[in-house]
Amino acid sequence: MAVSTEVSTVSVADEVWIAAALLHRELPDREDFSVQEIVARAEREGIHRPLRPGVYVHALQHCVANRPPNPGRYRMLWATGKSTRRLLRPTDEAHPARAGAKIVPSRPAIPSRYHVLLEWYEREYAPAYVPRHPLDALLDLSGLGKEVWTGVDPDAYVRQLREGWE
């Protein structure tokens, strides 16, 4: 394959997100991937040839939500270990200095062939998180254990408990 020196308009951060999303789609049984696997997938995809050196540092640091920004502030990946990453999920808590930073590429900023990744991410990988009210957990207990009381007359049960009381 001939090496192209064509300049890509896709940002390095978006290229890293695309590579990680492709890995998740191709290997759905894997929870995370090494930084090297993400870089290798970006190189295989060939969004920009030759591979830009910034892909490695973005996968290692700049795009990682739970690491202090240095200087990149993106929230696209989550460090599951020293050198392992996965895509960010809505329930992941990012480093406070990364608040409000980009999580996914904007649709117009990436080639249309990758729009399916954005749809997959929103629909399957990280569906919108709707915070629950704290009392919802109590309401979820409604009816729990009702099979224990099947066929028991409540009045007879209380009378039995009170036998021997004075």
C-alpha atoms as a PDB file:
ATOM      1  CA  MET A   1       0.000   0.000   0.000  1.00  0.00           C
ATOM      2  CA  ALA A   2       1.371   3.393  -0.963  1.00  0.00           C
ATOM      3  CA  VAL A   3       1.826   5.850   1.848  1.00  0.00           C
ATOM      4  CA  SER A   4      -0.283   8.952   1.402  1.00  0.00           C
ATOM      5  CA  THR A   5       0.801  12.267   2.807  1.00  0.00           C
ATOM      6  CA  GLU A   6      -2.709  13.698   2.448  1.00  0.00           C
ATOM      7  CA  VAL A   7      -3.605  15.878   5.415  1.00  0.00           C
ATOM      8  CA  SER A   8      -6.579  14.576   7.363  1.00  0.00           C
ATOM      9  CA  THR A   9      -9.116  17.005   8.768  1.00  0.00           C
ATOM     10  CA  VAL A  10      -9.986  14.508  11.529  1.00  0.00           C
ATOM     11  CA  SER A  11      -8.485  15.598  14.837  1.00  0.00           C
ATOM     12  CA  VAL A  12      -6.099  13.252  16.611  1.00  0.00           C
ATOM     13  CA  ALA A  13      -8.542  12.943  19.534  1.00  0.00           C
ATOM     14  CA  ASP A  14     -11.348  11.936  17.158  1.00  0.00           C
ATOM     15  CA  GLU A  15      -9.035   9.436  15.465  1.00  0.00           C
ATOM     16  CA  VAL A  16      -8.305   7.836  18.860  1.00  0.00           C
ATOM     17  CA  TRP A  17     -12.036   7.670  19.687  1.00  0.00           C
ATOM     18  CA  ILE A  18     -12.783   6.075  16.312  1.00  0.00           C
ATOM     19  CA  ALA A  19     -10.044   3.468  16.804  1.00  0.00           C
ATOM     20  CA  ALA A  20     -11.308   2.593  20.304  1.00  0.00           C
ATOM     21  CA  ALA A  21     -14.928   2.409  19.097  1.00  0.00           C
ATOM     22  CA  LEU A  22     -13.914   0.133  16.217  1.00  0.00           C
ATOM     23  CA  LEU A  23     -12.133  -2.186  18.655  1.00  0.00           C
ATOM     24  CA  HIS A  24     -15.201  -2.319  20.904  1.00  0.00           C
ATOM     25  CA  ARG A  25     -17.410  -3.165  17.916  1.00  0.00           C
ATOM     26  CA  GLU A  26     -14.998  -5.754  16.516  1.00  0.00           C
ATOM     27  CA  LEU A  27     -14.268  -7.413  19.869  1.00  0.00           C
ATOM     28  CA  PRO A  28     -17.494  -7.021  21.891  1.00  0.00           C
ATOM     29  CA  ASP A  29     -16.395  -9.507  24.569  1.00  0.00           C
ATOM     30  CA  ARG A  30     -13.453  -7.306  25.544  1.00  0.00           C
ATOM     31  CA  GLU A  31     -13.976  -4.682  28.247  1.00  0.00           C
ATOM     32  CA  ASP A  32     -10.836  -2.690  27.449  1.00  0.00           C
ATOM     33  CA  PHE A  33      -7.788  -2.463  25.199  1.00  0.00           C
ATOM     34  CA  SER A  34      -4.147  -1.597  25.626  1.00  0.00           C
ATOM     35  CA  VAL A  35      -2.942   1.785  24.466  1.00  0.00           C
ATOM     36  CA  GLN A  36      -0.823  -0.074  21.896  1.00  0.00           C
ATOM     37  CA  GLU A  37      -3.915  -1.889  20.544  1.00  0.00           C
ATOM     38  CA  ILE A  38      -5.726   1.442  20.106  1.00  0.00           C
ATOM     39  CA  VAL A  39      -2.711   2.956  18.332  1.00  0.00           C
ATOM     40  CA  ALA A  40      -2.344  -0.123  16.107  1.00  0.00           C
ATOM     41  CA  ARG A  41      -6.058   0.007  15.215  1.00  0.00           C
ATOM     42  CA  ALA A  42      -5.747   3.702  14.326  1.00  0.00           C
ATOM     43  CA  GLU A  43      -2.785   2.883  12.113  1.00  0.00           C
ATOM     44  CA  ARG A  44      -4.663   0.019  10.400  1.00  0.00           C
ATOM     45  CA  GLU A  45      -7.666   2.285   9.821  1.00  0.00           C
ATOM     46  CA  GLY A  46      -5.440   4.791   8.052  1.00  0.00           C
ATOM     47  CA  ILE A  47      -7.486   7.911   8.711  1.00  0.00           C
ATOM     48  CA  HIS A  48      -4.221   9.789   8.462  1.00  0.00           C
ATOM     49  CA  ARG A  49      -1.099   8.380   6.834  1.00  0.00           C
ATOM     50  CA  PRO A  50       1.447   8.252   8.143  1.00  0.00           C
ATOM     51  CA  LEU A  51       0.076   7.788  11.642  1.00  0.00           C
ATOM     52  CA  ARG A  52       0.512  10.980  13.602  1.00  0.00           C
ATOM     53  CA  PRO A  53       2.728  10.670  16.712  1.00  0.00           C
ATOM     54  CA  GLY A  54       0.019  12.383  18.769  1.00  0.00           C
ATOM     55  CA  VAL A  55      -2.243   9.309  18.538  1.00  0.00           C
ATOM     56  CA  TYR A  56      -0.185   7.524  21.186  1.00  0.00           C
ATOM     57  CA  VAL A  57      -0.129  10.408  23.672  1.00  0.00           C
ATOM     58  CA  HIS A  58      -3.849  11.061  23.160  1.00  0.00           C
ATOM     59  CA  ALA A  59      -4.679   7.403  23.912  1.00  0.00           C
ATOM     60  CA  LEU A  60      -2.292   7.431  26.857  1.00  0.00           C
ATOM     61  CA  GLN A  61      -3.200  10.779  28.433  1.00  0.00           C
ATOM     62  CA  HIS A  62      -4.980  13.563  26.534  1.00  0.00           C
ATOM     63  CA  CYS A  63      -8.287  11.704  25.933  1.00  0.00           C
ATOM     64  CA  VAL A  64      -8.435   9.913  29.300  1.00  0.00           C
ATOM     65  CA  ALA A  65     -11.229  11.267  31.491  1.00  0.00           C
ATOM     66  CA  ASN A  66     -10.016   9.908  34.818  1.00  0.00           C
ATOM     67  CA  ARG A  67      -6.499  11.324  34.551  1.00  0.00           C
ATOM     68  CA  PRO A  68      -5.475  14.918  35.282  1.00  0.00           C
ATOM     69  CA  PRO A  69      -5.336  16.989  32.088  1.00  0.00           C
ATOM     70  CA  ASN A  70      -1.834  17.425  30.748  1.00  0.00           C
ATOM     71  CA  PRO A  71      -2.748  19.570  28.764  1.00  0.00           C
ATOM     72  CA  GLY A  72      -5.521  17.728  26.834  1.00  0.00           C
ATOM     73  CA  ARG A  73      -8.919  17.887  28.537  1.00  0.00           C
ATOM     74  CA  TYR A  74     -10.955  15.444  26.433  1.00  0.00           C
ATOM     75  CA  ARG A  75     -13.197  12.863  28.117  1.00  0.00           C
ATOM     76  CA  MET A  76     -13.274  10.193  25.432  1.00  0.00           C
ATOM     77  CA  LEU A  77     -11.552   7.244  27.098  1.00  0.00           C
ATOM     78  CA  TRP A  78     -11.480   5.709  30.567  1.00  0.00           C
ATOM     79  CA  ALA A  79      -8.289   4.271  32.079  1.00  0.00           C
ATOM     80  CA  THR A  80      -9.099   0.816  33.415  1.00  0.00           C
ATOM     81  CA  GLY A  81      -5.466   0.205  34.263  1.00  0.00           C
ATOM     82  CA  LYS A  82      -2.047   1.757  33.776  1.00  0.00           C
ATOM     83  CA  SER A  83      -2.024   1.065  30.033  1.00  0.00           C
ATOM     84  CA  THR A  84      -5.568  -0.105  29.293  1.00  0.00           C
ATOM     85  CA  ARG A  85      -8.474   1.988  28.047  1.00  0.00           C
ATOM     86  CA  ARG A  86     -12.127   1.766  27.092  1.00  0.00           C
ATOM     87  CA  LEU A  87     -14.612   4.302  25.811  1.00  0.00           C
ATOM     88  CA  LEU A  88     -16.129   6.594  28.414  1.00  0.00           C
ATOM     89  CA  ARG A  89     -19.592   5.777  29.763  1.00  0.00           C
ATOM     90  CA  PRO A  90     -22.039   8.390  31.100  1.00  0.00           C
ATOM     91  CA  THR A  91     -21.752   7.018  34.646  1.00  0.00           C
ATOM     92  CA  ASP A  92     -17.947   7.405  34.739  1.00  0.00           C
ATOM     93  CA  GLU A  93     -16.746  10.290  36.890  1.00  0.00           C
ATOM     94  CA  ALA A  94     -14.152  12.368  35.111  1.00  0.00           C
ATOM     95  CA  HIS A  95     -11.332  14.311  36.688  1.00  0.00           C
ATOM     96  CA  PRO A  96     -12.872  17.649  37.807  1.00  0.00           C
ATOM     97  CA  ALA A  97     -10.524  19.666  35.584  1.00  0.00           C
ATOM     98  CA  ARG A  98     -11.976  17.892  32.532  1.00  0.00           C
ATOM     99  CA  ALA A  99     -15.579  18.949  33.184  1.00  0.00           C
ATOM    100  CA  GLY A 100     -17.447  19.921  30.050  1.00  0.00           C
ATOM    101  CA  ALA A 101     -14.796  18.579  27.678  1.00  0.00           C
ATOM    102  CA  LYS A 102     -15.622  16.669  24.493  1.00  0.00           C
ATOM    103  CA  ILE A 103     -16.748  13.035  24.909  1.00  0.00           C
ATOM    104  CA  VAL A 104     -17.446  11.978  21.300  1.00  0.00           C
ATOM    105  CA  PRO A 105     -16.529  13.420  17.928  1.00  0.00           C
ATOM    106  CA  SER A 106     -19.042  15.788  16.391  1.00  0.00           C
ATOM    107  CA  ARG A 107     -20.768  14.252  13.381  1.00  0.00           C
ATOM    108  CA  PRO A 108     -19.558  16.892  10.877  1.00  0.00           C
ATOM    109  CA  ALA A 109     -15.948  16.526  12.073  1.00  0.00           C
ATOM    110  CA  ILE A 110     -15.576  12.893  10.988  1.00  0.00           C
ATOM    111  CA  PRO A 111     -16.101  11.092   7.677  1.00  0.00           C
ATOM    112  CA  SER A 112     -19.650   9.802   7.146  1.00  0.00           C
ATOM    113  CA  ARG A 113     -18.460   6.183   7.168  1.00  0.00           C
ATOM    114  CA  TYR A 114     -17.874   6.574  10.942  1.00  0.00           C
ATOM    115  CA  HIS A 115     -21.296   8.022  11.763  1.00  0.00           C
ATOM    116  CA  VAL A 116     -22.490   4.479  12.456  1.00  0.00           C
ATOM    117  CA  LEU A 117     -20.035   4.431  15.390  1.00  0.00           C
ATOM    118  CA  LEU A 118     -21.688   7.484  16.921  1.00  0.00           C
ATOM    119  CA  GLU A 119     -25.094   5.826  16.549  1.00  0.00           C
ATOM    120  CA  TRP A 120     -23.813   2.573  18.090  1.00  0.00           C
ATOM    121  CA  TYR A 121     -22.232   4.481  20.984  1.00  0.00           C
ATOM    122  CA  GLU A 122     -25.421   6.407  21.770  1.00  0.00           C
ATOM    123  CA  ARG A 123     -27.757   3.446  21.328  1.00  0.00           C
ATOM    124  CA  GLU A 124     -25.786   0.486  22.702  1.00  0.00           C
ATOM    125  CA  TYR A 125     -22.526   1.324  24.429  1.00  0.00           C
ATOM    126  CA  ALA A 126     -23.434   4.424  26.405  1.00  0.00           C
ATOM    127  CA  PRO A 127     -27.166   5.109  26.262  1.00  0.00           C
ATOM    128  CA  ALA A 128     -28.202   8.358  27.897  1.00  0.00           C
ATOM    129  CA  TYR A 129     -27.971   8.070  31.639  1.00  0.00           C
ATOM    130  CA  VAL A 130     -31.016   9.347  33.485  1.00  0.00           C
ATOM    131  CA  PRO A 131     -30.208   9.906  37.147  1.00  0.00           C
ATOM    132  CA  ARG A 132     -32.690   8.282  39.487  1.00  0.00           C
ATOM    133  CA  HIS A 133     -34.330   9.931  42.442  1.00  0.00           C
ATOM    134  CA  PRO A 134     -32.878   8.570  45.722  1.00  0.00           C
ATOM    135  CA  LEU A 135     -36.310   7.306  46.819  1.00  0.00           C
ATOM    136  CA  ASP A 136     -36.662   5.195  43.660  1.00  0.00           C
ATOM    137  CA  ALA A 137     -34.605   2.486  45.362  1.00  0.00           C
ATOM    138  CA  LEU A 138     -37.222   2.246  48.132  1.00  0.00           C
ATOM    139  CA  LEU A 139     -40.032   2.107  45.608  1.00  0.00           C
ATOM    140  CA  ASP A 140     -38.230  -0.739  43.835  1.00  0.00           C
ATOM    141  CA  LEU A 141     -38.677  -2.801  47.027  1.00  0.00           C
ATOM    142  CA  SER A 142     -42.458  -2.733  46.654  1.00  0.00           C
ATOM    143  CA  GLY A 143     -43.774  -6.303  46.562  1.00  0.00           C
ATOM    144  CA  LEU A 144     -40.397  -7.858  47.342  1.00  0.00           C
ATOM    145  CA  GLY A 145     -40.847 -11.118  49.264  1.00  0.00           C
ATOM    146  CA  LYS A 146     -44.622 -11.263  48.763  1.00  0.00           C
ATOM    147  CA  GLU A 147     -44.386 -14.985  47.956  1.00  0.00           C
ATOM    148  CA  VAL A 148     -43.409 -15.608  51.606  1.00  0.00           C
ATOM    149  CA  TRP A 149     -46.853 -14.407  52.713  1.00  0.00           C
ATOM    150  CA  THR A 150     -48.933 -16.243  50.124  1.00  0.00           C
ATOM    151  CA  GLY A 151     -51.829 -18.018  51.872  1.00  0.00           C
ATOM    152  CA  VAL A 152     -51.201 -16.375  55.267  1.00  0.00           C
ATOM    153  CA  ASP A 153     -54.109 -14.560  56.877  1.00  0.00           C
ATOM    154  CA  PRO A 154     -52.635 -11.335  58.331  1.00  0.00           C
ATOM    155  CA  ASP A 155     -55.117 -11.141  61.226  1.00  0.00           C
ATOM    156  CA  ALA A 156     -54.464 -14.750  62.245  1.00  0.00           C
ATOM    157  CA  TYR A 157     -50.702 -14.130  62.025  1.00  0.00           C
ATOM    158  CA  VAL A 158     -50.885 -11.083  64.317  1.00  0.00           C
ATOM    159  CA  ARG A 159     -53.127 -12.975  66.791  1.00  0.00           C
ATOM    160  CA  GLN A 160     -50.545 -15.782  66.876  1.00  0.00           C
ATOM    161  CA  LEU A 161     -47.712 -13.307  67.551  1.00  0.00           C
ATOM    162  CA  ARG A 162     -49.672 -11.717  70.392  1.00  0.00           C
ATOM    163  CA  GLU A 163     -50.440 -15.013  72.147  1.00  0.00           C
ATOM    164  CA  GLY A 164     -48.956 -14.956  75.609  1.00  0.00           C
ATOM    165  CA  TRP A 165     -48.785 -11.168  75.831  1.00  0.00           C
ATOM    166  CA  GLU A 166     -50.280  -9.742  78.975  1.00  0.00           C
END
